[in-house]
Amino acid sequence: MMKFTNILLGAMATTALASCADLDTEILDSYVTTDQKQEVLELNPDMASASVMGIYSQFTGIFTISTQHLDFGYPATMMGMDSQGMDYISKNSGYNWFASYNGFQGNGPDGWRAAMLWMYQFAQIKTCNTLIGSIPADTDSKELQFFRAQGLATRSFDYWTLAQTYQFNYTDNKNKPCVPILTDENELEAAENGAPRATVEEVYAQIMKDINEAVTLLENSGIDPASVIGDKPKRMVSLAVAYGLRARYHLTMENWAAAAEDATKAIAAHKGAPYSIKDVSKPGFTSINDDAWMWGMAVSEQDENVSGGSIVNFPAMSCSFVHGYTDQGGAWRWCSKVLYDWIPSTDVRKGWFLDANRKSANLSEEQQKYLDGFASGPATYGDDQSTNLMPYTNVKFNSYQGVLGQSINASDIPLMRVEEMYLIKAEGEAMSGATAAAKQTLNNFVRTYRDPAYASLATDAKGIQDEIWMQRRVELWGEGLSYFDIMRLRKNIDRRGCKFPTAWVFNITYPNDVMLFVIPYDEISANRGISEADNNKTVPTPSPVAD
């Protein structure tokens, strides 16, 4: 017993570090029975709670792979994923840390695009495995059920993220290689013998196994995160979030009716409502405590990637009102002109982006004047190292506490908002045959919360789905979900007319191997189950086309 307690305490004390996952499960299993594990944790539930907080601290870990300024955890993955699509644009300059994503550069196994996603997600999976392995599946403790659910739900999220980037969409590619499956049950065997790439179907089976158990545990425990942690409890997975995650997974797997059902459950279980038209008629999206947020990454002024005026963080690279790579380097993030032109003038979200004259009706006089100070001439869409403000630059995200030129970038970062659930519900209804219900869901949501004049013009399920895709592109802009939609919906990446830098104007037809990530060399050299021949293809950077 003493041996187990000391090892567990040591692991819990270092949960904020990548090494927190180095808990020797072989020793635990050799010295401690399942009943003893439960007894120890029931007597010391704070240990399990600390382990959960360690999992969530990894979301925003800084410099875990290198000292490069795009190494700031899952928010960097969000920005990288969005940068590969059509709607999240920045300059072709040395100040744009995500240029390799915008330009599909460094596509090989020694590139950033390979290393970051793989290393981040599997590090978090390992930490989740440690927590899950320390809590018996049949525990009758309500607290431990809640904590085990946190590990399971987060692990499912990590595998879902990986599955959509290492293989094409689920329905057409079930038997194709995806990523290795490492769990608390097979980690020792995998360390000794290696872990081959599992098929897409096998990975999704693990994802669904994890989220189904998490939902059951959260239903049985009846515990809400707010009763566990007082400060920003939405950093933890609630029952509503678990339903929401499962809705996402069903949507990706094209289990349409199940997606709609779980999205409906998530809306009902969520203690909040979408942002109102008034709420989003000004820059925002900075606080995890907002009613619309279901799950997010909690950030504080004391965090390593914030303190001391750090600009190695999400706001410094995505917000137009802060001190960071925007005001100092001109790496503004702007919206596709094609998408901007699609947004009706009656939709409040058109003001989330500057117009062609670099103005927005959503800004205060002070905010507009601040941005006007960076408008130094006509927009240049070639190589541009200047700080010149670009048309269609986003003003969706506000600065921390609304301070212009803010050097404390402690804004929280969204992982799930309830608005997404309405869009999942509508898509699930449409594609499962309930087109009338889908149009009603979509019309009611958009009219109530974004555009009173909206009316869906779609006449069939596919039309409604495409319309919802456009709504998702606007509503969830900059929140790390757009590339996953491209992959699951089999969409081309057509950047013509979008106002990309000329070197990055691509027209990539789905499926194209450049859209997939490759497994990094470090993994291939360390994992006996994967050889270079097992990897996805390394393909050249696409050739630009005429705009």
Protein backbone atom coordinates (compact mmCIF):
# COMPACT_ATOMS: atom_id res chain seq x y z
CA MET A 1 0.00 0.00 0.00
CA MET A 2 2.74 2.46 0.91
CA LYS A 3 4.52 1.87 -2.38
CA PHE A 4 1.38 2.67 -4.37
CA THR A 5 0.60 5.78 -2.33
CA ASN A 6 4.07 7.22 -2.73
CA ILE A 7 4.15 6.64 -6.47
CA LEU A 8 0.68 8.08 -6.97
CA LEU A 9 1.43 11.13 -4.85
CA GLY A 10 4.62 11.71 -6.78
CA ALA A 11 2.75 11.52 -10.04
CA MET A 12 -0.01 13.84 -8.84
CA ALA A 13 2.54 16.41 -7.68
CA THR A 14 3.86 16.77 -11.22
CA THR A 15 0.61 16.67 -13.15
CA ALA A 16 1.24 19.99 -14.85
CA LEU A 17 4.28 18.61 -16.62
CA ALA A 18 4.50 16.23 -19.53
CA SER A 19 6.26 13.78 -17.22
CA CYS A 20 3.10 13.46 -15.16
CA ALA A 21 2.17 10.47 -17.26
CA ASP A 22 5.23 8.50 -16.18
CA LEU A 23 3.38 6.53 -13.53
CA ASP A 24 4.70 2.97 -13.43
CA THR A 25 1.53 0.98 -13.93
CA GLU A 26 3.44 -2.28 -13.88
CA ILE A 27 4.53 -1.60 -10.31
CA LEU A 28 1.01 -0.57 -9.37
CA ASP A 29 -0.47 -3.74 -10.76
CA SER A 30 2.21 -5.86 -9.10
CA TYR A 31 1.72 -4.47 -5.62
CA VAL A 32 -1.85 -3.22 -5.45
CA THR A 33 -5.18 -4.89 -6.01
CA THR A 34 -8.15 -3.21 -7.62
CA ASP A 35 -9.88 -2.91 -4.25
CA GLN A 36 -6.81 -1.28 -2.75
CA LYS A 37 -6.66 1.28 -5.54
CA GLN A 38 -10.24 2.28 -4.85
CA GLU A 39 -9.62 2.39 -1.12
CA VAL A 40 -6.63 4.70 -1.49
CA LEU A 41 -8.45 7.08 -3.81
CA GLU A 42 -11.64 7.08 -1.74
CA LEU A 43 -9.59 8.15 1.26
CA ASN A 44 -7.72 10.74 -0.78
CA PRO A 45 -10.04 11.92 -3.59
CA ASP A 46 -7.94 15.05 -4.01
CA MET A 47 -5.30 12.88 -5.65
CA ALA A 48 -7.69 11.94 -8.44
CA SER A 49 -8.82 15.56 -8.70
CA ALA A 50 -5.19 16.69 -9.06
CA SER A 51 -4.67 14.16 -11.82
CA VAL A 52 -7.70 15.51 -13.68
CA MET A 53 -6.36 19.05 -13.40
CA GLY A 54 -3.08 17.75 -14.79
CA ILE A 55 -4.90 16.49 -17.85
CA TYR A 56 -6.49 19.87 -18.45
CA SER A 57 -3.27 21.80 -17.81
CA GLN A 58 -1.78 19.94 -20.78
CA PHE A 59 -4.25 21.65 -23.10
CA THR A 60 -2.29 24.90 -22.76
CA GLY A 61 1.22 23.61 -22.05
CA ILE A 62 3.99 25.77 -23.46
CA PHE A 63 7.31 24.70 -25.02
CA THR A 64 6.61 21.01 -24.46
CA ILE A 65 8.29 20.03 -27.74
CA SER A 66 10.61 22.93 -28.49
CA THR A 67 11.18 26.62 -27.87
CA GLN A 68 9.36 27.64 -31.05
CA HIS A 69 6.59 30.17 -30.60
CA LEU A 70 3.89 27.99 -32.10
CA ASP A 71 4.39 25.46 -29.30
CA PHE A 72 1.55 26.38 -26.94
CA GLY A 73 -0.63 23.30 -26.73
CA TYR A 74 -4.01 22.49 -28.17
CA PRO A 75 -4.83 26.13 -29.05
CA ALA A 76 -1.90 25.90 -31.49
CA THR A 77 -3.48 22.78 -32.98
CA MET A 78 -6.74 24.70 -33.37
CA MET A 79 -4.99 27.50 -35.22
CA GLY A 80 -3.00 25.06 -37.34
CA MET A 81 -6.09 23.08 -38.34
CA ASP A 82 -8.08 26.20 -39.24
CA SER A 83 -5.12 27.56 -41.21
CA GLN A 84 -5.26 24.57 -43.56
CA GLY A 85 -8.77 25.38 -44.72
CA MET A 86 -10.28 28.25 -46.66
CA ASP A 87 -11.46 30.72 -44.06
CA TYR A 88 -8.61 31.40 -41.59
CA ILE A 89 -5.96 33.46 -43.31
CA SER A 90 -2.80 35.32 -42.34
CA LYS A 91 0.17 36.90 -44.08
CA ASN A 92 2.99 35.05 -45.78
CA SER A 93 5.54 36.53 -43.42
CA GLY A 94 8.05 35.57 -40.76
CA TYR A 95 5.61 36.72 -38.10
CA ASN A 96 2.99 34.17 -39.06
CA TRP A 97 3.99 31.13 -37.03
CA PHE A 98 1.38 29.03 -38.82
CA ALA A 99 2.67 29.70 -42.32
CA SER A 100 3.57 26.01 -42.72
CA TYR A 101 -0.10 25.16 -42.12
CA ASN A 102 -1.44 27.91 -44.40
CA GLY A 103 0.93 26.76 -47.14
CA PHE A 104 0.91 22.99 -46.53
CA GLN A 105 4.68 23.20 -46.13
CA GLY A 106 6.92 20.77 -44.27
CA ASN A 107 4.68 17.82 -45.14
CA GLY A 108 7.24 15.16 -44.20
CA PRO A 109 7.72 13.23 -40.97
CA ASP A 110 10.33 15.71 -39.73
CA GLY A 111 8.04 18.74 -40.08
CA TRP A 112 6.11 20.70 -37.47
CA ARG A 113 2.75 19.60 -38.79
CA ALA A 114 3.68 15.99 -38.06
CA ALA A 115 5.31 16.52 -34.69
CA MET A 116 2.98 18.91 -32.91
CA LEU A 117 -0.36 17.18 -33.28
CA TRP A 118 1.02 13.71 -32.63
CA MET A 119 3.10 14.70 -29.60
CA TYR A 120 0.40 16.84 -27.98
CA GLN A 121 -2.42 14.36 -28.30
CA PHE A 122 -0.51 11.24 -27.31
CA ALA A 123 1.04 13.01 -24.32
CA GLN A 124 -2.46 13.82 -23.10
CA ILE A 125 -3.66 10.30 -23.90
CA LYS A 126 -0.86 8.93 -21.72
CA THR A 127 -1.93 11.16 -18.83
CA CYS A 128 -5.55 10.08 -19.31
CA ASN A 129 -4.43 6.44 -19.27
CA THR A 130 -2.72 6.98 -15.93
CA LEU A 131 -5.87 8.40 -14.38
CA ILE A 132 -8.18 5.79 -15.90
CA GLY A 133 -5.90 2.96 -14.84
CA SER A 134 -5.88 4.16 -11.24
CA ILE A 135 -9.68 4.10 -10.86
CA PRO A 136 -11.47 0.74 -11.16
CA ALA A 137 -14.15 0.60 -13.84
CA ASP A 138 -16.65 -0.80 -11.34
CA THR A 139 -16.02 1.76 -8.61
CA ASP A 140 -19.10 2.58 -6.58
CA SER A 141 -17.70 5.92 -5.44
CA LYS A 142 -19.60 8.80 -7.06
CA GLU A 143 -16.51 11.03 -6.95
CA LEU A 144 -14.30 8.44 -8.57
CA GLN A 145 -16.92 7.78 -11.24
CA PHE A 146 -16.82 11.50 -12.05
CA PHE A 147 -13.01 11.56 -12.19
CA ARG A 148 -12.74 8.43 -14.29
CA ALA A 149 -15.23 9.96 -16.72
CA GLN A 150 -12.93 12.96 -17.15
CA GLY A 151 -10.09 10.75 -18.33
CA LEU A 152 -12.30 8.71 -20.63
CA ALA A 153 -14.00 11.71 -22.24
CA THR A 154 -10.72 13.54 -22.81
CA ARG A 155 -9.07 10.44 -24.24
CA SER A 156 -11.98 10.04 -26.66
CA PHE A 157 -11.53 13.66 -27.72
CA ASP A 158 -7.81 13.15 -28.34
CA TYR A 159 -8.39 10.08 -30.51
CA TRP A 160 -11.16 11.85 -32.43
CA THR A 161 -8.77 14.71 -33.18
CA LEU A 162 -6.08 12.31 -34.39
CA ALA A 163 -8.45 10.11 -36.39
CA GLN A 164 -9.59 12.97 -38.61
CA THR A 165 -6.10 14.06 -39.54
CA TYR A 166 -4.33 10.75 -40.17
CA GLN A 167 -6.98 9.25 -42.43
CA PHE A 168 -9.85 10.40 -44.60
CA ASN A 169 -13.46 10.29 -43.51
CA TYR A 170 -14.85 7.44 -41.44
CA THR A 171 -17.58 6.09 -43.71
CA ASP A 172 -15.41 5.54 -46.79
CA ASN A 173 -12.22 4.43 -45.04
CA LYS A 174 -13.16 2.11 -42.17
CA ASN A 175 -10.53 -0.51 -43.04
CA LYS A 176 -7.66 1.88 -43.73
CA PRO A 177 -4.84 2.55 -41.25
CA CYS A 178 -5.35 5.35 -38.76
CA VAL A 179 -3.34 5.72 -35.53
CA PRO A 180 -2.17 3.30 -32.81
CA ILE A 181 -4.53 2.65 -29.93
CA LEU A 182 -2.80 3.07 -26.56
CA THR A 183 -4.90 2.62 -23.45
CA ASP A 184 -4.34 1.93 -19.78
CA GLU A 185 -4.83 -1.75 -20.60
CA ASN A 186 -2.23 -2.18 -23.35
CA GLU A 187 0.45 0.42 -22.67
CA LEU A 188 2.97 -2.05 -21.21
CA GLU A 189 2.56 -4.47 -24.09
CA ALA A 190 2.83 -1.61 -26.58
CA ALA A 191 6.00 -0.32 -24.94
CA GLU A 192 7.59 -3.75 -25.27
CA ASN A 193 6.30 -4.91 -28.65
CA GLY A 194 5.19 -1.73 -30.36
CA ALA A 195 1.72 -0.61 -31.42
CA PRO A 196 0.72 -0.77 -35.09
CA ARG A 197 -1.70 1.63 -36.72
CA ALA A 198 -5.23 0.50 -35.95
CA THR A 199 -7.91 0.82 -38.60
CA VAL A 200 -10.25 3.80 -38.69
CA GLU A 201 -13.09 1.55 -37.54
CA GLU A 202 -11.04 0.23 -34.60
CA VAL A 203 -10.08 3.75 -33.50
CA TYR A 204 -13.69 4.92 -33.59
CA ALA A 205 -14.75 1.81 -31.69
CA GLN A 206 -12.35 2.90 -28.92
CA ILE A 207 -13.62 6.47 -29.10
CA MET A 208 -17.23 5.31 -28.68
CA LYS A 209 -16.32 2.84 -25.93
CA ASP A 210 -14.67 5.64 -23.97
CA ILE A 211 -17.39 8.24 -24.42
CA ASN A 212 -20.21 5.78 -23.75
CA GLU A 213 -18.63 4.79 -20.45
CA ALA A 214 -18.00 8.45 -19.62
CA VAL A 215 -21.66 9.30 -20.24
CA THR A 216 -22.81 6.39 -18.05
CA LEU A 217 -20.44 7.37 -15.23
CA LEU A 218 -21.53 11.00 -15.32
CA GLU A 219 -25.19 10.03 -15.38
CA ASN A 220 -24.66 7.69 -12.42
CA SER A 221 -22.50 10.06 -10.39
CA GLY A 222 -24.85 13.02 -10.70
CA ILE A 223 -21.87 15.28 -10.04
CA ASP A 224 -21.55 18.63 -11.77
CA PRO A 225 -18.08 20.19 -12.23
CA ALA A 226 -19.21 23.29 -10.30
CA SER A 227 -19.44 21.18 -7.15
CA VAL A 228 -15.88 19.94 -7.65
CA ILE A 229 -14.04 23.14 -8.49
CA GLY A 230 -15.19 26.68 -7.84
CA ASP A 231 -12.93 28.50 -10.29
CA LYS A 232 -13.92 28.10 -13.94
CA PRO A 233 -15.56 24.67 -13.56
CA LYS A 234 -16.27 24.41 -17.31
CA ARG A 235 -12.68 23.32 -17.80
CA MET A 236 -14.02 19.90 -16.73
CA VAL A 237 -16.33 17.62 -18.69
CA SER A 238 -19.95 17.84 -17.57
CA LEU A 239 -22.72 15.48 -18.64
CA ALA A 240 -23.77 18.07 -21.23
CA VAL A 241 -20.24 18.13 -22.66
CA ALA A 242 -20.10 14.33 -22.77
CA TYR A 243 -23.36 14.30 -24.76
CA GLY A 244 -21.90 17.02 -26.96
CA LEU A 245 -18.72 15.05 -27.62
CA ARG A 246 -20.73 11.97 -28.50
CA ALA A 247 -22.88 14.08 -30.82
CA ARG A 248 -19.70 15.19 -32.61
CA TYR A 249 -18.50 11.61 -32.96
CA HIS A 250 -21.84 10.40 -34.31
CA LEU A 251 -21.81 13.28 -36.78
CA THR A 252 -18.32 12.30 -37.97
CA MET A 253 -19.42 8.66 -38.32
CA GLU A 254 -22.61 9.73 -40.14
CA ASN A 255 -24.82 8.23 -37.47
CA TRP A 256 -27.23 11.04 -38.19
CA ALA A 257 -30.19 10.28 -35.94
CA ALA A 258 -27.89 9.49 -33.00
CA ALA A 259 -26.04 12.79 -33.57
CA ALA A 260 -29.30 14.73 -33.43
CA GLU A 261 -30.41 12.84 -30.32
CA ASP A 262 -27.20 13.50 -28.41
CA ALA A 263 -27.11 17.16 -29.48
CA THR A 264 -30.66 17.51 -28.12
CA LYS A 265 -29.58 15.92 -24.85
CA ALA A 266 -26.57 18.24 -24.65
CA ILE A 267 -28.77 21.31 -25.11
CA ALA A 268 -31.16 20.09 -22.42
CA ALA A 269 -28.39 19.25 -19.95
CA HIS A 270 -26.45 22.48 -20.52
CA LYS A 271 -27.07 25.16 -17.90
CA GLY A 272 -26.95 28.06 -20.30
CA ALA A 273 -28.06 29.38 -23.67
CA PRO A 274 -26.46 30.63 -26.88
CA TYR A 275 -25.03 34.11 -27.03
CA SER A 276 -27.78 36.60 -27.91
CA ILE A 277 -27.61 38.97 -30.86
CA LYS A 278 -26.73 41.73 -28.41
CA ASP A 279 -23.99 39.61 -26.85
CA VAL A 280 -22.22 39.04 -30.15
CA SER A 281 -22.68 42.54 -31.55
CA LYS A 282 -19.28 43.40 -30.09
CA PRO A 283 -15.95 41.55 -29.75
CA GLY A 284 -16.04 38.81 -27.12
CA PHE A 285 -15.46 35.07 -26.73
CA THR A 286 -12.95 35.46 -23.91
CA SER A 287 -14.58 33.94 -20.81
CA ILE A 288 -15.26 30.30 -20.01
CA ASN A 289 -17.93 31.51 -17.57
CA ASP A 290 -20.18 32.81 -20.35
CA ASP A 291 -23.52 30.98 -20.54
CA ALA A 292 -22.91 29.80 -24.11
CA TRP A 293 -19.70 27.96 -23.26
CA MET A 294 -19.96 24.28 -22.43
CA TRP A 295 -16.26 23.36 -22.27
CA GLY A 296 -13.10 25.38 -22.56
CA MET A 297 -9.49 25.92 -21.65
CA ALA A 298 -9.14 28.01 -18.51
CA VAL A 299 -6.30 30.54 -18.57
CA SER A 300 -5.04 32.74 -15.74
CA GLU A 301 -2.68 35.69 -15.49
CA GLN A 302 -0.22 33.47 -13.64
CA ASP A 303 0.04 30.83 -16.38
CA GLU A 304 3.48 30.35 -17.89
CA ASN A 305 2.30 31.23 -21.38
CA VAL A 306 0.76 34.50 -20.13
CA SER A 307 2.89 35.89 -17.32
CA GLY A 308 5.60 38.40 -18.12
CA GLY A 309 3.76 39.66 -21.18
CA SER A 310 4.27 36.40 -23.09
CA ILE A 311 3.03 36.39 -26.67
CA VAL A 312 3.31 32.62 -27.05
CA ASN A 313 -0.42 32.06 -26.77
CA PHE A 314 -3.74 32.03 -28.60
CA PRO A 315 -4.81 35.69 -28.13
CA ALA A 316 -1.40 37.02 -29.23
CA MET A 317 -1.91 35.31 -32.57
CA SER A 318 -5.69 35.40 -33.07
CA CYS A 319 -6.97 38.60 -31.43
CA SER A 320 -6.67 41.94 -33.20
CA PHE A 321 -6.71 44.08 -30.05
CA VAL A 322 -3.73 42.73 -28.09
CA HIS A 323 0.01 43.08 -27.92
CA GLY A 324 1.36 40.16 -29.89
CA TYR A 325 2.11 38.97 -33.39
CA THR A 326 -0.77 41.03 -34.74
CA ASP A 327 0.18 44.57 -33.70
CA GLN A 328 3.93 43.90 -33.66
CA GLY A 329 4.30 41.73 -36.75
CA GLY A 330 1.13 42.28 -38.74
CA ALA A 331 0.11 38.61 -38.60
CA TRP A 332 -3.59 39.49 -38.53
CA ARG A 333 -6.06 36.62 -38.93
CA TRP A 334 -8.69 37.41 -41.49
CA CYS A 335 -11.76 35.78 -42.94
CA SER A 336 -12.17 34.52 -46.48
CA LYS A 337 -13.73 37.14 -48.74
CA VAL A 338 -15.91 34.36 -50.18
CA LEU A 339 -17.28 33.57 -46.73
CA TYR A 340 -17.62 37.25 -45.79
CA ASP A 341 -19.63 37.97 -48.92
CA TRP A 342 -21.91 35.01 -48.10
CA ILE A 343 -22.92 36.48 -44.72
CA PRO A 344 -26.11 38.57 -45.09
CA SER A 345 -25.96 42.22 -44.04
CA THR A 346 -28.75 41.48 -41.55
CA ASP A 347 -26.57 38.89 -39.75
CA VAL A 348 -24.78 40.29 -36.70
CA ARG A 349 -21.81 38.03 -37.45
CA LYS A 350 -20.86 40.07 -40.52
CA GLY A 351 -19.49 42.52 -37.97
CA TRP A 352 -17.13 39.85 -36.61
CA PHE A 353 -14.90 40.84 -39.52
CA LEU A 354 -13.78 44.13 -40.98
CA ASP A 355 -15.20 44.98 -44.38
CA ALA A 356 -13.20 45.83 -47.51
CA ASN A 357 -12.64 49.33 -46.06
CA ARG A 358 -11.43 47.85 -42.77
CA LYS A 359 -14.49 48.94 -40.79
CA SER A 360 -17.02 47.03 -38.65
CA ALA A 361 -20.33 48.15 -37.21
CA ASN A 362 -19.65 45.94 -34.18
CA LEU A 363 -16.79 48.10 -32.92
CA SER A 364 -16.83 50.97 -30.49
CA GLU A 365 -15.35 54.26 -31.66
CA GLU A 366 -12.27 53.56 -29.54
CA GLN A 367 -11.79 50.05 -30.96
CA GLN A 368 -12.18 51.25 -34.55
CA LYS A 369 -9.71 54.07 -33.97
CA TYR A 370 -7.21 51.59 -32.51
CA LEU A 371 -7.35 49.43 -35.64
CA ASP A 372 -7.33 52.43 -37.98
CA GLY A 373 -3.88 53.16 -36.62
CA PHE A 374 -2.60 50.03 -38.38
CA ALA A 375 -4.17 50.76 -41.77
CA SER A 376 -1.10 52.07 -43.59
CA GLY A 377 -1.95 51.50 -47.23
CA PRO A 378 -3.59 49.14 -49.71
CA ALA A 379 -3.65 45.44 -48.82
CA THR A 380 -0.85 43.35 -50.29
CA TYR A 381 -1.55 39.67 -50.84
CA GLY A 382 1.97 38.68 -51.81
CA ASP A 383 4.81 38.33 -49.31
CA ASP A 384 4.13 41.06 -46.75
CA GLN A 385 6.27 41.70 -43.70
CA SER A 386 4.47 44.92 -42.71
CA THR A 387 2.01 45.59 -39.90
CA ASN A 388 -0.55 46.90 -42.41
CA LEU A 389 -4.08 45.94 -41.34
CA MET A 390 -5.84 43.63 -43.78
CA PRO A 391 -9.47 43.79 -44.98
CA TYR A 392 -11.71 41.13 -43.43
CA THR A 393 -9.50 40.92 -40.32
CA ASN A 394 -11.41 39.32 -37.48
CA VAL A 395 -12.76 41.32 -34.57
CA LYS A 396 -14.63 38.32 -33.17
CA PHE A 397 -12.20 37.77 -30.31
CA ASN A 398 -11.79 40.57 -27.80
CA SER A 399 -8.75 41.23 -25.67
CA TYR A 400 -8.56 40.11 -22.05
CA GLN A 401 -10.87 42.34 -19.97
CA GLY A 402 -11.43 44.45 -23.10
CA VAL A 403 -8.19 46.41 -22.71
CA LEU A 404 -6.85 47.68 -26.05
CA GLY A 405 -3.22 46.79 -26.67
CA GLN A 406 -3.48 44.33 -23.80
CA SER A 407 -0.17 42.63 -22.95
CA ILE A 408 -1.79 40.19 -20.50
CA ASN A 409 -3.25 37.58 -22.81
CA ALA A 410 -5.22 35.61 -20.23
CA SER A 411 -8.39 35.04 -22.26
CA ASP A 412 -9.99 31.61 -21.92
CA ILE A 413 -10.26 29.51 -25.07
CA PRO A 414 -13.43 27.69 -26.23
CA LEU A 415 -13.56 23.96 -26.85
CA MET A 416 -17.35 23.65 -27.16
CA ARG A 417 -20.23 26.10 -27.25
CA VAL A 418 -23.90 25.24 -27.13
CA GLU A 419 -24.45 26.92 -30.52
CA GLU A 420 -22.64 24.00 -32.13
CA MET A 421 -25.20 21.60 -30.69
CA TYR A 422 -28.07 23.34 -32.50
CA LEU A 423 -26.17 23.00 -35.77
CA ILE A 424 -25.38 19.33 -35.12
CA LYS A 425 -29.02 18.70 -34.26
CA ALA A 426 -30.19 20.32 -37.49
CA GLU A 427 -27.68 18.41 -39.63
CA GLY A 428 -28.49 15.12 -37.94
CA GLU A 429 -32.21 15.68 -38.49
CA ALA A 430 -31.75 16.60 -42.13
CA MET A 431 -29.53 13.66 -43.01
CA SER A 432 -31.71 11.16 -41.16
CA GLY A 433 -34.76 12.15 -43.20
CA ALA A 434 -36.42 14.72 -40.93
CA THR A 435 -35.87 17.64 -43.28
CA ALA A 436 -38.82 19.70 -42.05
CA ALA A 437 -37.63 19.42 -38.45
CA ALA A 438 -34.09 20.27 -39.56
CA LYS A 439 -35.18 23.46 -41.29
CA GLN A 440 -37.19 24.47 -38.25
CA THR A 441 -34.22 23.85 -35.94
CA LEU A 442 -31.90 25.81 -38.22
CA ASN A 443 -34.30 28.69 -38.84
CA ASN A 444 -35.18 29.06 -35.17
CA PHE A 445 -31.54 29.10 -34.09
CA VAL A 446 -30.29 31.60 -36.65
CA ARG A 447 -33.31 33.90 -36.42
CA THR A 448 -33.26 33.98 -32.63
CA TYR A 449 -29.56 34.37 -32.07
CA ARG A 450 -27.89 35.77 -35.19
CA ASP A 451 -30.09 37.05 -38.05
CA PRO A 452 -33.82 37.82 -37.60
CA ALA A 453 -34.27 37.90 -41.39
CA TYR A 454 -32.83 34.44 -42.01
CA ALA A 455 -34.77 31.75 -43.84
CA SER A 456 -33.27 28.53 -45.12
CA LEU A 457 -33.74 28.18 -48.88
CA ALA A 458 -32.62 24.55 -49.04
CA THR A 459 -35.10 22.07 -50.50
CA ASP A 460 -33.52 18.72 -49.63
CA ALA A 461 -31.26 17.07 -47.04
CA LYS A 462 -28.01 17.72 -48.90
CA GLY A 463 -28.94 21.34 -49.41
CA ILE A 464 -29.66 21.76 -45.71
CA GLN A 465 -26.36 20.07 -44.85
CA ASP A 466 -24.44 22.45 -47.13
CA GLU A 467 -26.24 25.42 -45.63
CA ILE A 468 -25.37 24.22 -42.13
CA TRP A 469 -21.75 23.84 -43.23
CA MET A 470 -21.71 27.52 -44.19
CA GLN A 471 -23.31 28.41 -40.87
CA ARG A 472 -20.64 26.38 -39.06
CA ARG A 473 -17.90 28.16 -41.03
CA VAL A 474 -19.19 31.50 -39.76
CA GLU A 475 -20.33 30.60 -36.24
CA LEU A 476 -17.30 28.51 -35.28
CA TRP A 477 -14.69 30.60 -37.11
CA GLY A 478 -11.34 30.44 -35.34
CA GLU A 479 -12.43 27.73 -32.90
CA GLY A 480 -10.50 24.85 -34.43
CA LEU A 481 -13.28 22.84 -36.08
CA SER A 482 -13.31 23.94 -39.73
CA TYR A 483 -10.72 21.46 -41.05
CA PHE A 484 -12.51 18.54 -39.42
CA ASP A 485 -15.65 19.59 -41.30
CA ILE A 486 -13.73 19.67 -44.59
CA MET A 487 -12.49 16.14 -43.97
CA ARG A 488 -15.78 14.59 -42.83
CA LEU A 489 -17.83 16.29 -45.55
CA ARG A 490 -15.35 15.44 -48.33
CA LYS A 491 -14.92 19.09 -49.28
CA ASN A 492 -12.31 20.52 -51.60
CA ILE A 493 -10.00 23.25 -50.34
CA ASP A 494 -10.74 25.92 -52.93
CA ARG A 495 -9.08 29.18 -51.97
CA ARG A 496 -9.74 31.07 -55.18
CA GLY A 497 -11.21 34.49 -54.46
CA CYS A 498 -10.66 34.13 -50.71
CA LYS A 499 -7.83 36.73 -50.47
CA PHE A 500 -5.05 34.35 -49.52
CA PRO A 501 -1.44 35.35 -50.10
CA THR A 502 -0.70 34.49 -53.73
CA ALA A 503 1.68 31.62 -52.87
CA TRP A 504 -1.13 29.88 -50.96
CA VAL A 505 -4.00 30.11 -53.42
CA PHE A 506 -4.71 26.39 -53.83
CA ASN A 507 -7.53 24.33 -55.25
CA ILE A 508 -7.06 20.94 -53.58
CA THR A 509 -9.55 18.26 -54.57
CA TYR A 510 -10.66 15.85 -51.85
CA PRO A 511 -9.21 13.28 -51.21
CA ASN A 512 -5.63 14.42 -51.66
CA ASP A 513 -2.75 12.96 -49.63
CA VAL A 514 -1.52 16.45 -48.79
CA MET A 515 -4.60 16.77 -46.56
CA LEU A 516 -3.37 13.97 -44.28
CA PHE A 517 -0.73 14.30 -41.61
CA VAL A 518 2.22 11.93 -41.47
CA ILE A 519 3.58 10.13 -38.43
CA PRO A 520 6.76 11.81 -37.12
CA TYR A 521 10.16 10.12 -37.36
CA ASP A 522 10.49 10.00 -33.59
CA GLU A 523 7.46 7.73 -33.36
CA ILE A 524 8.59 5.48 -36.20
CA SER A 525 12.04 5.05 -34.65
CA ALA A 526 10.62 4.28 -31.21
CA ASN A 527 7.56 2.19 -32.12
CA ARG A 528 8.33 -1.32 -33.33
CA GLY A 529 4.81 -1.63 -34.67
CA ILE A 530 5.20 1.10 -37.30
CA SER A 531 7.75 1.23 -40.10
CA GLU A 532 8.39 3.96 -42.64
CA ALA A 533 6.40 1.88 -45.12
CA ASP A 534 3.37 2.09 -42.80
CA ASN A 535 3.33 5.90 -42.86
CA ASN A 536 1.06 8.17 -44.87
CA LYS A 537 2.63 9.48 -48.07
CA THR A 538 4.94 12.47 -47.96
CA VAL A 539 3.79 14.67 -50.83
CA PRO A 540 5.06 17.98 -52.21
CA THR A 541 3.54 21.31 -51.29
CA PRO A 542 0.61 22.07 -53.63
CA SER A 543 1.18 24.41 -56.54
CA PRO A 544 -0.65 27.74 -56.38
CA VAL A 545 -3.33 28.50 -58.95
CA ALA A 546 -4.66 31.72 -60.41
CA ASP A 547 -6.85 33.62 -58.00
